Amino acid sequence: FSSQGSPVTFSRSKSLDKVKQIVSYIESHYTEPITIQSAADYMGFSESHFMKFFKSHMDMGFTEYLNDYRLSMAARLLAASGLSVLEIATRTGFDNLSYFNRLFKRKYRQTPGEYRKALTD
């Protein structure tokens, strides 16, 4: 391998570390309000660079990924707890119940209430 091959590998692994750092940040802070700006600041990126970087590495936008992660956590809580849908929405970082319900239904093809009921039937 020529010496030209190694910087590419280095920058790829550096990018991978950044991706892991972002994902880990989301996993630790998904219950809190996270904006593109706050995530970009955390990574030391400009907002536009952060959005491009995230999309190019994750094949989806940051907000879409964040909401998808939050919805997965909400689905777990619906299955494992007796918390109300509102409480689950709040605990998973959604401050708007109708927005939460709409996204949940888009992902799981049923409302949070229907999802929970299907698990207990």
N, C-alpha and C. Protein backbone atom coordinates (compact mmCIF):
# COMPACT_ATOMS: atom_id res chain seq x y z
N PHE A 1 0.85 -1.20 0.00
CA PHE A 1 0.00 0.00 0.00
C PHE A 1 0.88 1.25 0.00
N SER A 2 0.54 2.21 -0.79
CA SER A 2 1.35 3.43 -0.82
C SER A 2 1.05 4.27 0.43
N SER A 3 1.93 5.20 0.70
CA SER A 3 1.72 6.06 1.87
C SER A 3 0.49 6.96 1.69
N GLN A 4 0.02 7.04 0.44
CA GLN A 4 -1.19 7.86 0.20
C GLN A 4 -2.43 7.18 0.77
N GLY A 5 -2.39 5.87 0.95
CA GLY A 5 -3.55 5.14 1.47
C GLY A 5 -3.83 5.41 2.93
N SER A 6 -2.80 5.69 3.72
CA SER A 6 -3.03 5.82 5.15
C SER A 6 -3.77 7.07 5.60
N PRO A 7 -3.54 8.26 5.02
CA PRO A 7 -4.33 9.42 5.49
C PRO A 7 -5.83 9.23 5.26
N VAL A 8 -6.18 8.56 4.17
CA VAL A 8 -7.60 8.30 3.88
C VAL A 8 -8.18 7.42 4.99
N THR A 9 -7.47 6.35 5.31
CA THR A 9 -7.91 5.46 6.38
C THR A 9 -8.02 6.22 7.70
N PHE A 10 -7.01 7.05 7.96
CA PHE A 10 -7.02 7.83 9.20
C PHE A 10 -8.24 8.74 9.26
N SER A 11 -8.50 9.47 8.16
CA SER A 11 -9.64 10.39 8.21
C SER A 11 -10.96 9.61 8.27
N ARG A 12 -11.00 8.43 7.66
CA ARG A 12 -12.22 7.62 7.76
C ARG A 12 -12.44 7.16 9.19
N SER A 13 -11.39 6.72 9.86
CA SER A 13 -11.57 6.27 11.24
C SER A 13 -11.85 7.47 12.16
N LYS A 14 -11.28 8.63 11.81
CA LYS A 14 -11.57 9.83 12.58
C LYS A 14 -13.04 10.22 12.42
N SER A 15 -13.55 10.11 11.19
CA SER A 15 -14.97 10.37 10.94
C SER A 15 -15.83 9.39 11.72
N LEU A 16 -15.43 8.13 11.72
CA LEU A 16 -16.18 7.11 12.45
C LEU A 16 -16.22 7.45 13.95
N ASP A 17 -15.11 7.91 14.48
CA ASP A 17 -15.08 8.33 15.88
C ASP A 17 -16.06 9.47 16.14
N LYS A 18 -16.10 10.42 15.20
CA LYS A 18 -17.03 11.56 15.33
C LYS A 18 -18.47 11.06 15.30
N VAL A 19 -18.76 10.13 14.39
CA VAL A 19 -20.12 9.57 14.30
C VAL A 19 -20.48 8.88 15.61
N LYS A 20 -19.56 8.09 16.13
CA LYS A 20 -19.80 7.41 17.42
C LYS A 20 -20.05 8.42 18.52
N GLN A 21 -19.29 9.51 18.49
CA GLN A 21 -19.43 10.57 19.49
C GLN A 21 -20.83 11.20 19.42
N ILE A 22 -21.30 11.46 18.20
CA ILE A 22 -22.63 12.06 18.01
C ILE A 22 -23.71 11.09 18.49
N VAL A 23 -23.61 9.83 18.07
CA VAL A 23 -24.61 8.82 18.45
C VAL A 23 -24.63 8.65 19.97
N SER A 24 -23.47 8.61 20.57
CA SER A 24 -23.37 8.49 22.02
C SER A 24 -24.00 9.71 22.71
N TYR A 25 -23.77 10.89 22.14
CA TYR A 25 -24.38 12.11 22.66
C TYR A 25 -25.91 12.00 22.64
N ILE A 26 -26.43 11.53 21.52
CA ILE A 26 -27.88 11.35 21.39
C ILE A 26 -28.39 10.36 22.43
N GLU A 27 -27.69 9.23 22.57
CA GLU A 27 -28.13 8.20 23.51
C GLU A 27 -28.11 8.70 24.96
N SER A 28 -27.20 9.61 25.26
CA SER A 28 -27.11 10.14 26.63
C SER A 28 -28.07 11.30 26.89
N HIS A 29 -28.44 12.02 25.84
CA HIS A 29 -29.20 13.27 26.03
C HIS A 29 -30.56 13.31 25.33
N TYR A 30 -31.02 12.17 24.80
CA TYR A 30 -32.27 12.18 24.02
C TYR A 30 -33.48 12.64 24.83
N THR A 31 -33.39 12.57 26.16
CA THR A 31 -34.52 12.99 26.99
C THR A 31 -34.59 14.51 27.12
N GLU A 32 -33.49 15.18 26.74
CA GLU A 32 -33.40 16.64 26.86
C GLU A 32 -33.67 17.28 25.49
N PRO A 33 -33.97 18.58 25.51
CA PRO A 33 -34.11 19.26 24.20
C PRO A 33 -32.74 19.30 23.51
N ILE A 34 -32.68 18.73 22.31
CA ILE A 34 -31.44 18.77 21.53
C ILE A 34 -31.77 19.45 20.21
N THR A 35 -31.00 20.46 19.87
CA THR A 35 -31.18 21.12 18.58
C THR A 35 -29.98 20.78 17.70
N ILE A 36 -30.12 21.01 16.42
CA ILE A 36 -28.99 20.84 15.51
C ILE A 36 -27.85 21.72 15.99
N GLN A 37 -28.18 22.94 16.40
CA GLN A 37 -27.17 23.88 16.88
C GLN A 37 -26.43 23.33 18.11
N SER A 38 -27.17 22.80 19.07
CA SER A 38 -26.50 22.29 20.28
C SER A 38 -25.63 21.07 19.97
N ALA A 39 -26.07 20.22 19.07
CA ALA A 39 -25.27 19.05 18.68
C ALA A 39 -24.04 19.50 17.90
N ALA A 40 -24.21 20.47 17.01
CA ALA A 40 -23.07 21.00 16.24
C ALA A 40 -22.06 21.64 17.18
N ASP A 41 -22.54 22.41 18.15
CA ASP A 41 -21.65 23.04 19.14
C ASP A 41 -20.88 21.96 19.92
N TYR A 42 -21.59 20.93 20.32
CA TYR A 42 -20.96 19.83 21.07
C TYR A 42 -19.82 19.21 20.26
N MET A 43 -20.03 19.08 18.95
CA MET A 43 -19.03 18.46 18.08
C MET A 43 -17.96 19.45 17.62
N GLY A 44 -18.19 20.74 17.87
CA GLY A 44 -17.26 21.75 17.40
C GLY A 44 -17.35 21.99 15.91
N PHE A 45 -18.55 21.75 15.36
CA PHE A 45 -18.81 21.96 13.93
C PHE A 45 -19.71 23.18 13.76
N SER A 46 -19.67 23.78 12.57
CA SER A 46 -20.70 24.76 12.26
C SER A 46 -21.99 23.97 12.02
N GLU A 47 -23.11 24.64 12.09
CA GLU A 47 -24.40 23.97 11.90
C GLU A 47 -24.47 23.32 10.52
N SER A 48 -24.07 24.04 9.48
CA SER A 48 -24.19 23.49 8.12
C SER A 48 -23.22 22.32 7.91
N HIS A 49 -22.01 22.44 8.43
CA HIS A 49 -21.05 21.33 8.32
C HIS A 49 -21.56 20.11 9.07
N PHE A 50 -22.10 20.33 10.26
CA PHE A 50 -22.64 19.24 11.07
C PHE A 50 -23.76 18.50 10.31
N MET A 51 -24.68 19.27 9.74
CA MET A 51 -25.81 18.65 9.03
C MET A 51 -25.32 17.82 7.84
N LYS A 52 -24.37 18.36 7.09
CA LYS A 52 -23.81 17.62 5.94
C LYS A 52 -23.06 16.38 6.41
N PHE A 53 -22.23 16.56 7.43
CA PHE A 53 -21.44 15.45 7.98
C PHE A 53 -22.37 14.32 8.45
N PHE A 54 -23.38 14.68 9.22
CA PHE A 54 -24.29 13.68 9.77
C PHE A 54 -25.00 12.93 8.66
N LYS A 55 -25.57 13.67 7.73
CA LYS A 55 -26.33 13.05 6.64
C LYS A 55 -25.45 12.16 5.78
N SER A 56 -24.22 12.60 5.52
CA SER A 56 -23.35 11.78 4.67
C SER A 56 -22.93 10.48 5.36
N HIS A 57 -22.86 10.48 6.69
CA HIS A 57 -22.44 9.27 7.40
C HIS A 57 -23.60 8.40 7.87
N MET A 58 -24.76 9.01 8.08
CA MET A 58 -25.88 8.25 8.64
C MET A 58 -27.02 8.01 7.63
N ASP A 59 -26.90 8.56 6.46
CA ASP A 59 -27.92 8.43 5.41
C ASP A 59 -29.29 8.95 5.82
N MET A 60 -29.32 9.82 6.80
CA MET A 60 -30.56 10.50 7.18
C MET A 60 -30.16 11.76 7.92
N GLY A 61 -31.10 12.69 8.00
CA GLY A 61 -30.82 13.93 8.71
C GLY A 61 -30.73 13.71 10.21
N PHE A 62 -30.13 14.67 10.88
CA PHE A 62 -29.95 14.58 12.33
C PHE A 62 -31.27 14.50 13.07
N THR A 63 -32.21 15.38 12.73
CA THR A 63 -33.51 15.40 13.43
C THR A 63 -34.26 14.09 13.22
N GLU A 64 -34.19 13.58 11.99
CA GLU A 64 -34.84 12.31 11.68
C GLU A 64 -34.24 11.18 12.54
N TYR A 65 -32.92 11.16 12.64
CA TYR A 65 -32.24 10.13 13.44
C TYR A 65 -32.62 10.28 14.92
N LEU A 66 -32.56 11.50 15.41
CA LEU A 66 -32.88 11.78 16.81
C LEU A 66 -34.31 11.33 17.13
N ASN A 67 -35.26 11.71 16.28
CA ASN A 67 -36.65 11.33 16.51
C ASN A 67 -36.83 9.81 16.44
N ASP A 68 -36.13 9.17 15.49
CA ASP A 68 -36.22 7.73 15.36
C ASP A 68 -35.71 7.04 16.63
N TYR A 69 -34.59 7.54 17.15
CA TYR A 69 -34.04 6.97 18.40
C TYR A 69 -35.03 7.17 19.55
N ARG A 70 -35.57 8.37 19.64
CA ARG A 70 -36.55 8.67 20.71
C ARG A 70 -37.78 7.77 20.59
N LEU A 71 -38.24 7.54 19.38
CA LEU A 71 -39.42 6.68 19.18
C LEU A 71 -39.12 5.24 19.59
N SER A 72 -37.91 4.76 19.31
CA SER A 72 -37.53 3.40 19.73
C SER A 72 -37.58 3.29 21.25
N MET A 73 -37.07 4.33 21.92
CA MET A 73 -37.10 4.34 23.38
C MET A 73 -38.54 4.42 23.90
N ALA A 74 -39.36 5.20 23.23
CA ALA A 74 -40.78 5.31 23.62
C ALA A 74 -41.47 3.96 23.47
N ALA A 75 -41.18 3.25 22.39
CA ALA A 75 -41.80 1.93 22.17
C ALA A 75 -41.40 0.97 23.30
N ARG A 76 -40.14 1.04 23.72
CA ARG A 76 -39.70 0.20 24.85
C ARG A 76 -40.46 0.53 26.11
N LEU A 77 -40.63 1.83 26.37
CA LEU A 77 -41.36 2.24 27.58
C LEU A 77 -42.83 1.84 27.51
N LEU A 78 -43.43 1.92 26.33
CA LEU A 78 -44.82 1.49 26.18
C LEU A 78 -44.95 0.00 26.51
N ALA A 79 -43.95 -0.77 26.12
CA ALA A 79 -43.98 -2.21 26.36
C ALA A 79 -43.68 -2.56 27.82
N ALA A 80 -42.79 -1.79 28.44
CA ALA A 80 -42.25 -2.19 29.74
C ALA A 80 -42.78 -1.41 30.94
N SER A 81 -43.61 -0.40 30.70
CA SER A 81 -44.05 0.41 31.83
C SER A 81 -45.54 0.70 31.73
N GLY A 82 -46.09 1.15 32.84
CA GLY A 82 -47.49 1.55 32.84
C GLY A 82 -47.64 3.06 32.71
N LEU A 83 -46.57 3.74 32.33
CA LEU A 83 -46.61 5.20 32.21
C LEU A 83 -47.62 5.62 31.13
N SER A 84 -48.19 6.78 31.32
CA SER A 84 -49.12 7.30 30.31
C SER A 84 -48.35 7.67 29.04
N VAL A 85 -49.07 7.75 27.94
CA VAL A 85 -48.46 8.12 26.67
C VAL A 85 -47.83 9.51 26.78
N LEU A 86 -48.51 10.42 27.45
CA LEU A 86 -47.96 11.77 27.64
C LEU A 86 -46.64 11.71 28.42
N GLU A 87 -46.62 10.94 29.50
CA GLU A 87 -45.41 10.80 30.32
C GLU A 87 -44.27 10.20 29.49
N ILE A 88 -44.58 9.20 28.68
CA ILE A 88 -43.56 8.57 27.83
C ILE A 88 -43.05 9.56 26.79
N ALA A 89 -43.96 10.30 26.19
CA ALA A 89 -43.55 11.31 25.20
C ALA A 89 -42.59 12.31 25.85
N THR A 90 -42.95 12.79 27.03
CA THR A 90 -42.13 13.76 27.75
C THR A 90 -40.78 13.16 28.12
N ARG A 91 -40.79 11.94 28.62
CA ARG A 91 -39.54 11.29 29.05
C ARG A 91 -38.60 10.97 27.89
N THR A 92 -39.14 10.88 26.69
CA THR A 92 -38.28 10.55 25.54
C THR A 92 -37.95 11.79 24.71
N GLY A 93 -38.20 12.98 25.29
CA GLY A 93 -37.73 14.20 24.66
C GLY A 93 -38.72 14.92 23.75
N PHE A 94 -39.96 14.46 23.73
CA PHE A 94 -40.98 15.14 22.92
C PHE A 94 -41.78 16.06 23.83
N ASP A 95 -41.83 17.34 23.47
CA ASP A 95 -42.60 18.26 24.31
C ASP A 95 -43.97 18.55 23.71
N ASN A 96 -44.27 17.89 22.60
CA ASN A 96 -45.55 18.10 21.93
C ASN A 96 -46.18 16.73 21.69
N LEU A 97 -47.29 16.47 22.38
CA LEU A 97 -47.92 15.15 22.31
C LEU A 97 -48.44 14.82 20.91
N SER A 98 -49.04 15.78 20.24
CA SER A 98 -49.59 15.45 18.91
C SER A 98 -48.47 15.17 17.91
N TYR A 99 -47.35 15.89 18.04
CA TYR A 99 -46.18 15.63 17.20
C TYR A 99 -45.65 14.22 17.47
N PHE A 100 -45.54 13.87 18.75
CA PHE A 100 -45.10 12.53 19.14
C PHE A 100 -46.02 11.46 18.55
N ASN A 101 -47.33 11.64 18.73
CA ASN A 101 -48.30 10.67 18.22
C ASN A 101 -48.18 10.51 16.70
N ARG A 102 -48.02 11.64 16.00
CA ARG A 102 -47.92 11.61 14.54
C ARG A 102 -46.66 10.85 14.09
N LEU A 103 -45.53 11.15 14.71
CA LEU A 103 -44.28 10.46 14.35
C LEU A 103 -44.33 8.98 14.71
N PHE A 104 -44.91 8.70 15.88
CA PHE A 104 -45.01 7.30 16.32
C PHE A 104 -45.84 6.50 15.33
N LYS A 105 -46.96 7.07 14.93
CA LYS A 105 -47.85 6.38 14.00
C LYS A 105 -47.17 6.18 12.64
N ARG A 106 -46.39 7.17 12.22
CA ARG A 106 -45.67 7.05 10.94
C ARG A 106 -44.67 5.90 11.00
N LYS A 107 -43.97 5.77 12.12
CA LYS A 107 -42.95 4.72 12.25
C LYS A 107 -43.56 3.33 12.49
N TYR A 108 -44.52 3.24 13.39
CA TYR A 108 -45.05 1.94 13.81
C TYR A 108 -46.40 1.59 13.20
N ARG A 109 -46.93 2.47 12.39
CA ARG A 109 -48.22 2.27 11.71
C ARG A 109 -49.39 2.06 12.66
N GLN A 110 -49.23 2.56 13.88
CA GLN A 110 -50.32 2.57 14.86
C GLN A 110 -50.02 3.61 15.93
N THR A 111 -51.04 4.02 16.64
CA THR A 111 -50.83 5.02 17.68
C THR A 111 -50.11 4.36 18.86
N PRO A 112 -49.52 5.17 19.74
CA PRO A 112 -48.89 4.58 20.93
C PRO A 112 -49.86 3.71 21.74
N GLY A 113 -51.10 4.16 21.85
CA GLY A 113 -52.10 3.39 22.59
C GLY A 113 -52.39 2.05 21.93
N GLU A 114 -52.53 2.06 20.60
CA GLU A 114 -52.78 0.81 19.85
C GLU A 114 -51.56 -0.12 19.96
N TYR A 115 -50.38 0.48 19.92
CA TYR A 115 -49.14 -0.29 20.02
C TYR A 115 -49.10 -1.04 21.35
N ARG A 116 -49.39 -0.32 22.42
CA ARG A 116 -49.37 -0.94 23.76
C ARG A 116 -50.44 -2.01 23.88
N LYS A 117 -51.63 -1.72 23.36
CA LYS A 117 -52.74 -2.66 23.44
C LYS A 117 -52.40 -3.95 22.69
N ALA A 118 -51.76 -3.80 21.52
CA ALA A 118 -51.38 -4.96 20.72
C ALA A 118 -50.39 -5.85 21.47
N LEU A 119 -49.57 -5.23 22.30
CA LEU A 119 -48.58 -6.01 23.08
C LEU A 119 -49.24 -6.81 24.20
N THR A 120 -50.36 -6.31 24.70
CA THR A 120 -51.01 -6.98 25.83
C THR A 120 -52.11 -7.93 25.40
N ASP A 121 -52.56 -7.82 24.15
CA ASP A 121 -53.62 -8.71 23.66
C ASP A 121 -53.10 -10.13 23.44
